[in-house]
Amino acid sequence: MSKKTEKTNVMRVLDQKNVAYNHYSFDSKSTSGAEVARSLGEDPHRVFKTLVTIGKSNEHYVFMVPIDQELDLKKGAQAAKEKSIDMIPQKALLPLTGYIHGGCSPIGMKKPFKTFIHESAETFTSIFFSAGKVGHQVELSLSDLQQVISVTTADLVKES
């Protein structure tokens, strides 16, 4: 008997909007980005992590950056037109978004936040990001993601 794929909230939202996506699941207790990319057999530049911040104005912002790179808080603040931004404490993530660390997705949060994605996403035909649960990823094009949530591209990462 085949095991039916358990739908995550992200997948339900994508289905409701008739957006095509690929779903990948793998055994992982780790939330390491490098391990996620390895499990997918994908270039880490195509696999994005979802980070939640708070601005000086007390507004929250979501940033998606490649898992092998770090969000530059100054560039993030500039994109959000804030004086400064900080990462939210990990314990605040679940009550704010409905997601846990390692399973946070820009789709299906408790309420919509201004979302920004690193401009490198424009160079790929598709990108990967959390399907809303640790060990689950979805793959879709940036334009399809933009049909589901409002997301703006920007230069967001620290220079290496």
N, C-alpha and C. Protein backbone atom coordinates (compact mmCIF):
# COMPACT_ATOMS: atom_id res chain seq x y z
N MET A 1 0.85 -1.18 0.00
CA MET A 1 0.00 0.00 0.00
C MET A 1 0.89 1.24 0.00
N SER A 2 0.61 2.18 -0.86
CA SER A 2 1.45 3.38 -0.91
C SER A 2 1.03 4.37 0.18
N LYS A 3 2.03 5.00 0.73
CA LYS A 3 1.77 5.97 1.78
C LYS A 3 1.43 7.31 1.14
N LYS A 4 0.29 7.87 1.49
CA LYS A 4 -0.14 9.15 0.94
C LYS A 4 0.71 10.27 1.54
N THR A 5 1.14 11.20 0.71
CA THR A 5 1.93 12.31 1.18
C THR A 5 1.10 13.20 2.10
N GLU A 6 1.64 13.44 3.27
CA GLU A 6 0.97 14.33 4.21
C GLU A 6 1.15 15.77 3.73
N LYS A 7 0.04 16.47 3.54
CA LYS A 7 0.09 17.85 3.06
C LYS A 7 0.44 18.79 4.21
N THR A 8 1.34 19.71 3.92
CA THR A 8 1.64 20.76 4.89
C THR A 8 0.73 21.95 4.57
N ASN A 9 0.67 22.90 5.47
CA ASN A 9 -0.13 24.10 5.25
C ASN A 9 0.32 24.80 3.96
N VAL A 10 1.63 24.85 3.73
CA VAL A 10 2.18 25.49 2.53
C VAL A 10 1.62 24.80 1.27
N MET A 11 1.64 23.48 1.28
CA MET A 11 1.15 22.74 0.12
C MET A 11 -0.35 22.95 -0.10
N ARG A 12 -1.11 23.05 0.99
CA ARG A 12 -2.55 23.31 0.87
C ARG A 12 -2.80 24.69 0.24
N VAL A 13 -2.02 25.69 0.67
CA VAL A 13 -2.16 27.04 0.10
C VAL A 13 -1.83 27.01 -1.39
N LEU A 14 -0.73 26.35 -1.75
CA LEU A 14 -0.33 26.27 -3.16
C LEU A 14 -1.41 25.55 -3.99
N ASP A 15 -1.97 24.48 -3.43
CA ASP A 15 -3.05 23.75 -4.12
C ASP A 15 -4.27 24.65 -4.32
N GLN A 16 -4.66 25.39 -3.28
CA GLN A 16 -5.82 26.29 -3.38
C GLN A 16 -5.63 27.34 -4.47
N LYS A 17 -4.39 27.81 -4.63
CA LYS A 17 -4.10 28.84 -5.63
C LYS A 17 -3.77 28.25 -6.99
N ASN A 18 -3.86 26.92 -7.11
CA ASN A 18 -3.52 26.21 -8.35
C ASN A 18 -2.11 26.52 -8.85
N VAL A 19 -1.17 26.55 -7.92
CA VAL A 19 0.23 26.80 -8.26
C VAL A 19 0.97 25.46 -8.27
N ALA A 20 1.62 25.17 -9.39
CA ALA A 20 2.37 23.92 -9.51
C ALA A 20 3.65 23.99 -8.67
N TYR A 21 3.96 22.89 -8.01
CA TYR A 21 5.17 22.82 -7.19
C TYR A 21 5.60 21.37 -7.09
N ASN A 22 6.85 21.18 -6.70
CA ASN A 22 7.35 19.85 -6.37
C ASN A 22 7.58 19.82 -4.88
N HIS A 23 7.24 18.70 -4.25
CA HIS A 23 7.42 18.54 -2.82
C HIS A 23 8.51 17.48 -2.58
N TYR A 24 9.39 17.76 -1.65
CA TYR A 24 10.46 16.84 -1.29
C TYR A 24 10.44 16.65 0.22
N SER A 25 10.57 15.41 0.65
CA SER A 25 10.70 15.18 2.09
C SER A 25 11.88 14.25 2.31
N PHE A 26 12.49 14.40 3.44
CA PHE A 26 13.66 13.60 3.77
C PHE A 26 13.75 13.49 5.29
N ASP A 27 14.40 12.43 5.72
CA ASP A 27 14.59 12.25 7.16
C ASP A 27 15.64 13.21 7.64
N SER A 28 15.25 14.10 8.51
CA SER A 28 16.22 15.06 9.02
C SER A 28 15.77 15.58 10.37
N LYS A 29 16.65 15.45 11.31
CA LYS A 29 16.42 16.06 12.62
C LYS A 29 17.15 17.40 12.63
N SER A 30 18.04 17.56 11.67
CA SER A 30 18.88 18.76 11.61
C SER A 30 18.20 19.87 10.81
N THR A 31 18.46 21.11 11.22
CA THR A 31 17.93 22.24 10.46
C THR A 31 19.08 22.94 9.72
N SER A 32 20.22 22.23 9.60
CA SER A 32 21.37 22.79 8.90
C SER A 32 21.06 22.96 7.42
N GLY A 33 21.27 24.18 6.93
CA GLY A 33 21.02 24.45 5.52
C GLY A 33 21.84 23.59 4.60
N ALA A 34 23.10 23.38 4.93
CA ALA A 34 23.98 22.56 4.09
C ALA A 34 23.44 21.14 4.00
N GLU A 35 22.93 20.63 5.13
CA GLU A 35 22.38 19.28 5.14
C GLU A 35 21.11 19.20 4.30
N VAL A 36 20.29 20.24 4.35
CA VAL A 36 19.07 20.28 3.54
C VAL A 36 19.44 20.23 2.05
N ALA A 37 20.38 21.06 1.63
CA ALA A 37 20.80 21.08 0.22
C ALA A 37 21.37 19.73 -0.20
N ARG A 38 22.18 19.12 0.69
CA ARG A 38 22.74 17.79 0.40
C ARG A 38 21.62 16.76 0.26
N SER A 39 20.64 16.80 1.16
CA SER A 39 19.52 15.85 1.11
C SER A 39 18.74 15.99 -0.20
N LEU A 40 18.64 17.22 -0.69
CA LEU A 40 17.93 17.48 -1.95
C LEU A 40 18.81 17.20 -3.17
N GLY A 41 20.14 17.12 -2.95
CA GLY A 41 21.07 16.99 -4.07
C GLY A 41 21.10 18.25 -4.91
N GLU A 42 20.93 19.41 -4.25
CA GLU A 42 20.83 20.68 -4.96
C GLU A 42 21.93 21.66 -4.59
N ASP A 43 22.15 22.61 -5.49
CA ASP A 43 23.07 23.72 -5.27
C ASP A 43 22.54 24.55 -4.11
N PRO A 44 23.36 24.79 -3.07
CA PRO A 44 22.90 25.58 -1.92
C PRO A 44 22.41 26.98 -2.29
N HIS A 45 22.86 27.51 -3.42
CA HIS A 45 22.40 28.84 -3.85
C HIS A 45 20.92 28.84 -4.24
N ARG A 46 20.38 27.66 -4.60
CA ARG A 46 18.97 27.54 -5.02
C ARG A 46 18.03 27.22 -3.86
N VAL A 47 18.62 26.91 -2.70
CA VAL A 47 17.82 26.52 -1.53
C VAL A 47 17.81 27.72 -0.57
N PHE A 48 16.61 28.22 -0.28
CA PHE A 48 16.48 29.45 0.51
C PHE A 48 15.97 29.17 1.91
N LYS A 49 16.51 29.92 2.86
CA LYS A 49 16.00 29.87 4.24
C LYS A 49 15.13 31.08 4.46
N THR A 50 14.20 30.95 5.39
CA THR A 50 13.24 32.01 5.70
C THR A 50 13.56 32.57 7.08
N LEU A 51 13.85 33.86 7.13
CA LEU A 51 14.24 34.52 8.38
C LEU A 51 13.23 35.60 8.72
N VAL A 52 12.92 35.71 10.00
CA VAL A 52 11.93 36.70 10.45
C VAL A 52 12.63 37.73 11.33
N THR A 53 12.36 38.99 11.04
CA THR A 53 13.03 40.09 11.75
C THR A 53 11.99 41.07 12.29
N ILE A 54 12.49 41.97 13.11
CA ILE A 54 11.65 43.06 13.61
C ILE A 54 12.40 44.36 13.37
N GLY A 55 11.69 45.35 12.88
CA GLY A 55 12.29 46.65 12.59
C GLY A 55 12.19 47.59 13.78
N LYS A 56 12.92 48.68 13.68
CA LYS A 56 12.88 49.74 14.71
C LYS A 56 11.44 50.21 14.95
N SER A 57 10.61 50.13 13.91
CA SER A 57 9.21 50.57 13.98
C SER A 57 8.30 49.52 14.64
N ASN A 58 8.87 48.38 15.02
CA ASN A 58 8.14 47.22 15.57
C ASN A 58 7.37 46.43 14.52
N GLU A 59 7.56 46.75 13.23
CA GLU A 59 6.99 45.95 12.15
C GLU A 59 7.87 44.72 11.95
N HIS A 60 7.24 43.61 11.56
CA HIS A 60 7.99 42.39 11.27
C HIS A 60 8.20 42.25 9.77
N TYR A 61 9.34 41.68 9.41
CA TYR A 61 9.69 41.47 8.00
C TYR A 61 10.23 40.07 7.83
N VAL A 62 9.98 39.49 6.66
CA VAL A 62 10.47 38.16 6.33
C VAL A 62 11.51 38.31 5.22
N PHE A 63 12.63 37.60 5.38
CA PHE A 63 13.69 37.63 4.38
C PHE A 63 14.03 36.20 3.98
N MET A 64 14.18 36.00 2.68
CA MET A 64 14.58 34.70 2.14
C MET A 64 15.95 34.87 1.49
N VAL A 65 16.92 34.12 2.01
CA VAL A 65 18.28 34.19 1.48
C VAL A 65 18.79 32.77 1.25
N PRO A 66 19.74 32.60 0.31
CA PRO A 66 20.30 31.26 0.09
C PRO A 66 20.86 30.71 1.40
N ILE A 67 20.68 29.40 1.60
CA ILE A 67 21.05 28.80 2.88
C ILE A 67 22.53 28.89 3.20
N ASP A 68 23.36 29.06 2.17
CA ASP A 68 24.80 29.13 2.43
C ASP A 68 25.28 30.58 2.61
N GLN A 69 24.34 31.50 2.74
CA GLN A 69 24.71 32.91 2.91
C GLN A 69 24.02 33.49 4.14
N GLU A 70 24.47 34.66 4.54
CA GLU A 70 23.94 35.30 5.74
C GLU A 70 23.22 36.59 5.38
N LEU A 71 22.09 36.82 6.03
CA LEU A 71 21.35 38.07 5.83
C LEU A 71 22.19 39.22 6.37
N ASP A 72 22.37 40.24 5.55
CA ASP A 72 23.03 41.47 5.98
C ASP A 72 21.92 42.36 6.55
N LEU A 73 21.94 42.56 7.86
CA LEU A 73 20.86 43.30 8.52
C LEU A 73 20.75 44.74 8.01
N LYS A 74 21.88 45.35 7.66
CA LYS A 74 21.84 46.71 7.12
C LYS A 74 21.13 46.74 5.76
N LYS A 75 21.47 45.78 4.90
CA LYS A 75 20.82 45.71 3.59
C LYS A 75 19.34 45.38 3.73
N GLY A 76 19.01 44.51 4.70
CA GLY A 76 17.62 44.17 4.96
C GLY A 76 16.83 45.38 5.42
N ALA A 77 17.44 46.15 6.32
CA ALA A 77 16.78 47.37 6.82
C ALA A 77 16.55 48.35 5.67
N GLN A 78 17.55 48.47 4.80
CA GLN A 78 17.44 49.37 3.65
C GLN A 78 16.29 48.93 2.73
N ALA A 79 16.19 47.61 2.47
CA ALA A 79 15.12 47.10 1.62
C ALA A 79 13.74 47.35 2.24
N ALA A 80 13.67 47.22 3.58
CA ALA A 80 12.40 47.40 4.29
C ALA A 80 12.11 48.87 4.63
N LYS A 81 13.06 49.74 4.27
CA LYS A 81 12.95 51.18 4.58
C LYS A 81 12.80 51.41 6.09
N GLU A 82 13.65 50.70 6.84
CA GLU A 82 13.71 50.81 8.30
C GLU A 82 15.06 51.37 8.69
N LYS A 83 15.11 51.99 9.88
CA LYS A 83 16.38 52.47 10.42
C LYS A 83 17.30 51.29 10.70
N SER A 84 16.72 50.26 11.30
CA SER A 84 17.48 49.03 11.58
C SER A 84 16.50 47.88 11.77
N ILE A 85 17.02 46.66 11.62
CA ILE A 85 16.23 45.46 11.89
C ILE A 85 17.07 44.52 12.72
N ASP A 86 16.41 43.64 13.45
CA ASP A 86 17.07 42.59 14.23
C ASP A 86 16.31 41.29 14.02
N MET A 87 17.02 40.18 14.18
CA MET A 87 16.36 38.89 14.13
C MET A 87 15.44 38.78 15.34
N ILE A 88 14.29 38.14 15.17
CA ILE A 88 13.42 37.94 16.34
C ILE A 88 14.00 36.79 17.17
N PRO A 89 13.73 36.78 18.47
CA PRO A 89 14.19 35.65 19.29
C PRO A 89 13.53 34.36 18.80
N GLN A 90 14.26 33.25 18.83
CA GLN A 90 13.74 31.98 18.33
C GLN A 90 12.43 31.60 19.01
N LYS A 91 12.31 31.88 20.31
CA LYS A 91 11.08 31.50 21.04
C LYS A 91 9.86 32.30 20.56
N ALA A 92 10.08 33.42 19.88
CA ALA A 92 8.97 34.23 19.37
C ALA A 92 8.47 33.76 18.01
N LEU A 93 9.22 32.87 17.36
CA LEU A 93 8.90 32.45 15.99
C LEU A 93 7.55 31.73 15.90
N LEU A 94 7.33 30.72 16.72
CA LEU A 94 6.09 29.94 16.64
C LEU A 94 4.85 30.78 16.94
N PRO A 95 4.83 31.56 18.05
CA PRO A 95 3.63 32.36 18.29
C PRO A 95 3.36 33.41 17.20
N LEU A 96 4.42 33.94 16.60
CA LEU A 96 4.27 34.98 15.59
C LEU A 96 3.86 34.43 14.23
N THR A 97 4.50 33.33 13.82
CA THR A 97 4.32 32.83 12.45
C THR A 97 3.49 31.54 12.35
N GLY A 98 3.49 30.76 13.42
CA GLY A 98 2.87 29.43 13.37
C GLY A 98 3.86 28.36 12.95
N TYR A 99 5.11 28.73 12.74
CA TYR A 99 6.16 27.80 12.32
C TYR A 99 7.27 27.71 13.36
N ILE A 100 7.96 26.54 13.35
CA ILE A 100 9.10 26.36 14.24
C ILE A 100 10.40 26.59 13.47
N HIS A 101 11.48 26.78 14.21
CA HIS A 101 12.81 26.96 13.62
C HIS A 101 13.13 25.75 12.74
N GLY A 102 13.57 26.00 11.52
CA GLY A 102 13.89 24.92 10.59
C GLY A 102 12.71 24.52 9.72
N GLY A 103 11.52 25.01 10.06
CA GLY A 103 10.34 24.68 9.27
C GLY A 103 9.55 25.92 8.90
N CYS A 104 10.20 27.08 8.98
CA CYS A 104 9.53 28.35 8.71
C CYS A 104 9.46 28.60 7.21
N SER A 105 8.27 28.90 6.73
CA SER A 105 8.04 29.17 5.31
C SER A 105 7.41 30.55 5.16
N PRO A 106 7.69 31.24 4.05
CA PRO A 106 7.05 32.54 3.83
C PRO A 106 5.56 32.40 3.48
N ILE A 107 5.15 31.20 3.11
CA ILE A 107 3.76 30.94 2.74
C ILE A 107 3.01 30.38 3.95
N GLY A 108 1.82 30.91 4.21
CA GLY A 108 0.97 30.34 5.24
C GLY A 108 1.27 30.78 6.66
N MET A 109 1.95 31.90 6.82
CA MET A 109 2.19 32.42 8.17
C MET A 109 0.86 32.88 8.76
N LYS A 110 0.82 33.01 10.08
CA LYS A 110 -0.43 33.42 10.76
C LYS A 110 -0.98 34.71 10.19
N LYS A 111 -0.08 35.64 9.83
CA LYS A 111 -0.51 36.85 9.14
C LYS A 111 0.57 37.23 8.14
N PRO A 112 0.19 37.93 7.08
CA PRO A 112 1.19 38.27 6.06
C PRO A 112 2.14 39.38 6.54
N PHE A 113 3.41 39.20 6.24
CA PHE A 113 4.42 40.21 6.53
C PHE A 113 5.09 40.61 5.23
N LYS A 114 5.63 41.83 5.19
CA LYS A 114 6.39 42.23 4.00
C LYS A 114 7.54 41.23 3.85
N THR A 115 7.67 40.70 2.65
CA THR A 115 8.64 39.64 2.39
C THR A 115 9.59 40.06 1.28
N PHE A 116 10.87 39.77 1.50
CA PHE A 116 11.93 40.09 0.56
C PHE A 116 12.74 38.83 0.28
N ILE A 117 13.18 38.67 -0.96
CA ILE A 117 14.00 37.52 -1.33
C ILE A 117 15.27 38.03 -2.00
N HIS A 118 16.37 37.34 -1.75
CA HIS A 118 17.63 37.76 -2.37
C HIS A 118 17.50 37.72 -3.89
N GLU A 119 18.04 38.73 -4.52
CA GLU A 119 17.91 38.90 -5.97
C GLU A 119 18.44 37.72 -6.79
N SER A 120 19.28 36.88 -6.21
CA SER A 120 19.80 35.72 -6.94
C SER A 120 18.68 34.76 -7.34
N ALA A 121 17.53 34.81 -6.65
CA ALA A 121 16.40 33.93 -6.98
C ALA A 121 15.95 34.15 -8.42
N GLU A 122 16.17 35.37 -8.94
CA GLU A 122 15.76 35.68 -10.32
C GLU A 122 16.58 34.92 -11.35
N THR A 123 17.74 34.39 -10.95
CA THR A 123 18.63 33.72 -11.92
C THR A 123 18.31 32.24 -12.09
N PHE A 124 17.40 31.70 -11.27
CA PHE A 124 17.07 30.28 -11.32
C PHE A 124 15.67 30.07 -11.89
N THR A 125 15.48 28.95 -12.60
CA THR A 125 14.15 28.64 -13.10
C THR A 125 13.23 28.25 -11.95
N SER A 126 13.81 27.68 -10.89
CA SER A 126 13.02 27.36 -9.70
C SER A 126 13.92 27.44 -8.48
N ILE A 127 13.28 27.61 -7.32
CA ILE A 127 14.00 27.68 -6.05
C ILE A 127 13.33 26.73 -5.06
N PHE A 128 14.05 26.40 -4.01
CA PHE A 128 13.55 25.53 -2.95
C PHE A 128 13.45 26.33 -1.66
N PHE A 129 12.43 26.03 -0.86
CA PHE A 129 12.32 26.62 0.48
C PHE A 129 11.41 25.72 1.31
N SER A 130 11.35 25.99 2.60
CA SER A 130 10.61 25.12 3.51
C SER A 130 9.14 25.01 3.14
N ALA A 131 8.64 23.78 3.25
CA ALA A 131 7.22 23.52 3.03
C ALA A 131 6.44 23.67 4.33
N GLY A 132 7.08 24.24 5.36
CA GLY A 132 6.38 24.52 6.60
C GLY A 132 6.58 23.48 7.69
N LYS A 133 7.48 22.54 7.43
CA LYS A 133 7.77 21.48 8.39
C LYS A 133 9.22 21.06 8.21
N VAL A 134 9.91 20.77 9.29
CA VAL A 134 11.29 20.30 9.19
C VAL A 134 11.30 19.02 8.36
N GLY A 135 12.23 18.94 7.40
CA GLY A 135 12.33 17.76 6.54
C GLY A 135 11.44 17.81 5.31
N HIS A 136 10.79 18.96 5.08
CA HIS A 136 9.92 19.11 3.90
C HIS A 136 10.29 20.41 3.17
N GLN A 137 10.45 20.30 1.86
CA GLN A 137 10.77 21.46 1.02
C GLN A 137 9.84 21.47 -0.18
N VAL A 138 9.58 22.66 -0.71
CA VAL A 138 8.86 22.79 -1.96
C VAL A 138 9.77 23.48 -2.96
N GLU A 139 9.53 23.18 -4.22
CA GLU A 139 10.28 23.80 -5.33
C GLU A 139 9.27 24.43 -6.26
N LEU A 140 9.48 25.72 -6.56
CA LEU A 140 8.65 26.41 -7.53
C LEU A 140 9.41 27.61 -8.07
N SER A 141 8.88 28.22 -9.09
CA SER A 141 9.54 29.38 -9.68
C SER A 141 9.27 30.62 -8.82
N LEU A 142 10.14 31.60 -8.94
CA LEU A 142 9.95 32.86 -8.23
C LEU A 142 8.63 33.50 -8.65
N SER A 143 8.32 33.47 -9.94
CA SER A 143 7.07 34.09 -10.40
C SER A 143 5.85 33.39 -9.81
N ASP A 144 5.92 32.07 -9.63
CA ASP A 144 4.81 31.35 -8.98
C ASP A 144 4.71 31.74 -7.51
N LEU A 145 5.85 31.87 -6.84
CA LEU A 145 5.85 32.32 -5.44
C LEU A 145 5.20 33.70 -5.34
N GLN A 146 5.51 34.57 -6.29
CA GLN A 146 4.96 35.93 -6.29
C GLN A 146 3.46 35.96 -6.58
N GLN A 147 2.92 34.87 -7.13
CA GLN A 147 1.46 34.77 -7.32
C GLN A 147 0.76 34.47 -5.99
N VAL A 148 1.51 33.87 -5.06
CA VAL A 148 0.94 33.42 -3.79
C VAL A 148 1.11 34.47 -2.70
N ILE A 149 2.29 35.05 -2.61
CA ILE A 149 2.57 36.10 -1.63
C ILE A 149 3.28 37.26 -2.32
N SER A 150 3.18 38.41 -1.73
CA SER A 150 3.89 39.57 -2.24
C SER A 150 5.33 39.47 -1.76
N VAL A 151 6.26 39.34 -2.70
CA VAL A 151 7.68 39.21 -2.34
C VAL A 151 8.51 40.08 -3.29
N THR A 152 9.41 40.84 -2.71
CA THR A 152 10.24 41.79 -3.45
C THR A 152 11.68 41.30 -3.48
N THR A 153 12.33 41.39 -4.64
CA THR A 153 13.74 41.00 -4.72
C THR A 153 14.61 42.18 -4.29
N ALA A 154 15.75 41.85 -3.65
CA ALA A 154 16.69 42.88 -3.20
C ALA A 154 18.04 42.24 -2.92
N ASP A 155 19.07 43.07 -2.87
CA ASP A 155 20.40 42.63 -2.46
C ASP A 155 20.36 42.52 -0.94
N LEU A 156 20.46 41.31 -0.40
CA LEU A 156 20.24 41.12 1.03
C LEU A 156 21.38 40.43 1.78
N VAL A 157 22.38 39.92 1.07
CA VAL A 157 23.37 39.09 1.76
C VAL A 157 24.69 39.82 2.00
N LYS A 158 25.40 39.31 3.01
CA LYS A 158 26.73 39.85 3.33
C LYS A 158 27.68 39.47 2.22
N GLU A 159 28.59 40.38 1.91
CA GLU A 159 29.62 40.10 0.90
C GLU A 159 30.60 39.10 1.51
N SER A 160 31.02 38.13 0.68
CA SER A 160 31.96 37.13 1.22
C SER A 160 33.39 37.57 1.07
